Amino acid sequence: MSSLNDAGKKIYIIVHGQHQFVDQIKEKLVMKGFEKEKMQLASLDRAGNVSEYVAMIWPPMAPKEIVVSEIIDTNAHGGSGMGAWSSVSQKELYRIPLN
């Protein structure tokens, strides 16, 4: 597991419409040192900033883990996200099992 530079930075949570996982994700992120007050659901209208974090359930339809990544570029071409996130480049830090 990679260590975080600043777990007090904002972390965006991506649940692919499966909101029943939000509380479970938040609990697991708190156990990893993230501040609950810095967590927010990601929006398709606005992406995060460089050096902030993303926690995404994976795979989308039958999630088994949370992928935690750091945003490394916000002007990337061909990003893997949707909406505003399509221009965001991320570096995976580690994965957390959901169960």
Protein backbone atom coordinates (compact mmCIF):
# COMPACT_ATOMS: atom_id res chain seq x y z
CA MET A 1 0.00 0.00 0.00
CA SER A 2 1.28 3.43 -0.89
CA SER A 3 1.27 6.05 1.83
CA LEU A 4 -0.81 9.17 1.35
CA ASN A 5 0.80 12.59 1.22
CA ASP A 6 -2.15 14.28 2.89
CA ALA A 7 -5.19 12.25 3.91
CA GLY A 8 -6.81 15.57 4.96
CA LYS A 9 -7.35 16.54 1.31
CA LYS A 10 -10.71 16.16 -0.37
CA ILE A 11 -11.63 12.68 -1.59
CA TYR A 12 -14.32 12.18 -4.22
CA ILE A 13 -16.43 9.03 -4.00
CA ILE A 14 -17.64 7.37 -7.20
CA VAL A 15 -20.35 4.74 -6.73
CA HIS A 16 -21.67 4.34 -10.31
CA GLY A 17 -25.22 5.00 -9.10
CA GLN A 18 -25.02 2.39 -6.33
CA HIS A 19 -25.65 4.71 -3.38
CA GLN A 20 -26.17 1.81 -0.97
CA PHE A 21 -22.35 1.59 -0.76
CA VAL A 22 -21.68 5.20 0.27
CA ASP A 23 -21.69 4.68 4.06
CA GLN A 24 -19.59 1.51 3.81
CA ILE A 25 -17.03 3.30 1.63
CA LYS A 26 -16.83 6.24 4.04
CA GLU A 27 -16.25 3.90 7.00
CA LYS A 28 -13.44 2.09 5.21
CA LEU A 29 -11.81 5.38 4.14
CA VAL A 30 -11.93 6.69 7.72
CA MET A 31 -10.12 3.51 8.81
CA LYS A 32 -7.43 4.38 6.23
CA GLY A 33 -6.96 7.86 7.72
CA PHE A 34 -9.22 10.02 5.56
CA GLU A 35 -11.34 12.70 7.23
CA LYS A 36 -15.08 12.13 6.84
CA GLU A 37 -15.63 15.89 6.47
CA LYS A 38 -13.43 15.88 3.34
CA MET A 39 -15.45 13.18 1.56
CA GLN A 40 -18.01 14.02 -1.09
CA LEU A 41 -19.84 12.21 -3.85
CA ALA A 42 -18.29 12.88 -7.25
CA SER A 43 -20.30 14.88 -9.78
CA LEU A 44 -20.25 14.55 -13.56
CA ASP A 45 -20.34 18.36 -13.74
CA ARG A 46 -17.12 19.06 -11.84
CA ALA A 47 -14.02 16.95 -11.36
CA GLY A 48 -11.48 17.17 -8.57
CA ASN A 49 -8.16 18.99 -8.54
CA VAL A 50 -4.58 17.79 -8.85
CA SER A 51 -3.36 16.08 -5.65
CA GLU A 52 -6.89 15.35 -4.38
CA TYR A 53 -8.11 11.76 -4.11
CA VAL A 54 -10.75 9.52 -5.69
CA ALA A 55 -12.34 6.41 -4.18
CA MET A 56 -14.30 4.33 -6.69
CA ILE A 57 -16.12 1.04 -6.27
CA TRP A 58 -14.96 -1.60 -8.72
CA PRO A 59 -16.23 -3.27 -10.82
CA PRO A 60 -19.23 -0.95 -11.28
CA MET A 61 -22.10 -3.46 -11.40
CA ALA A 62 -20.87 -6.02 -8.87
CA PRO A 63 -18.35 -4.14 -6.71
CA LYS A 64 -15.79 -6.13 -4.77
CA GLU A 65 -13.32 -3.39 -3.85
CA ILE A 66 -12.64 0.32 -3.55
CA VAL A 67 -9.90 1.70 -5.78
CA VAL A 68 -8.18 4.71 -4.19
CA SER A 69 -6.33 7.00 -6.59
CA GLU A 70 -4.66 10.39 -6.60
CA ILE A 71 -5.55 12.96 -9.25
CA ILE A 72 -2.34 13.75 -11.14
CA ASP A 73 -3.62 15.82 -14.09
CA THR A 74 -6.86 17.65 -14.87
CA ASN A 75 -6.19 18.45 -18.52
CA ALA A 76 -5.51 14.95 -19.77
CA HIS A 77 -6.86 13.71 -23.08
CA GLY A 78 -8.59 10.37 -23.15
CA GLY A 79 -9.15 10.01 -19.42
CA SER A 80 -11.15 7.01 -18.30
CA GLY A 81 -14.00 8.84 -16.56
CA MET A 82 -17.31 10.28 -17.67
CA GLY A 83 -18.41 13.91 -17.86
CA ALA A 84 -15.93 16.32 -16.25
CA TRP A 85 -13.89 13.29 -15.11
CA SER A 86 -12.99 12.38 -18.71
CA SER A 87 -10.16 14.95 -18.62
CA VAL A 88 -8.75 13.70 -15.31
CA SER A 89 -5.70 11.46 -15.08
CA GLN A 90 -5.31 9.38 -11.92
CA LYS A 91 -2.61 7.26 -10.33
CA GLU A 92 -3.88 4.23 -8.44
CA LEU A 93 -2.56 4.11 -4.88
CA TYR A 94 -4.19 0.96 -3.47
CA ARG A 95 -7.36 -1.13 -3.25
CA ILE A 96 -9.58 -1.87 -0.25
CA PRO A 97 -11.81 -4.98 -0.21
CA LEU A 98 -15.51 -4.14 0.31
CA ASN A 99 -16.05 -7.20 2.50
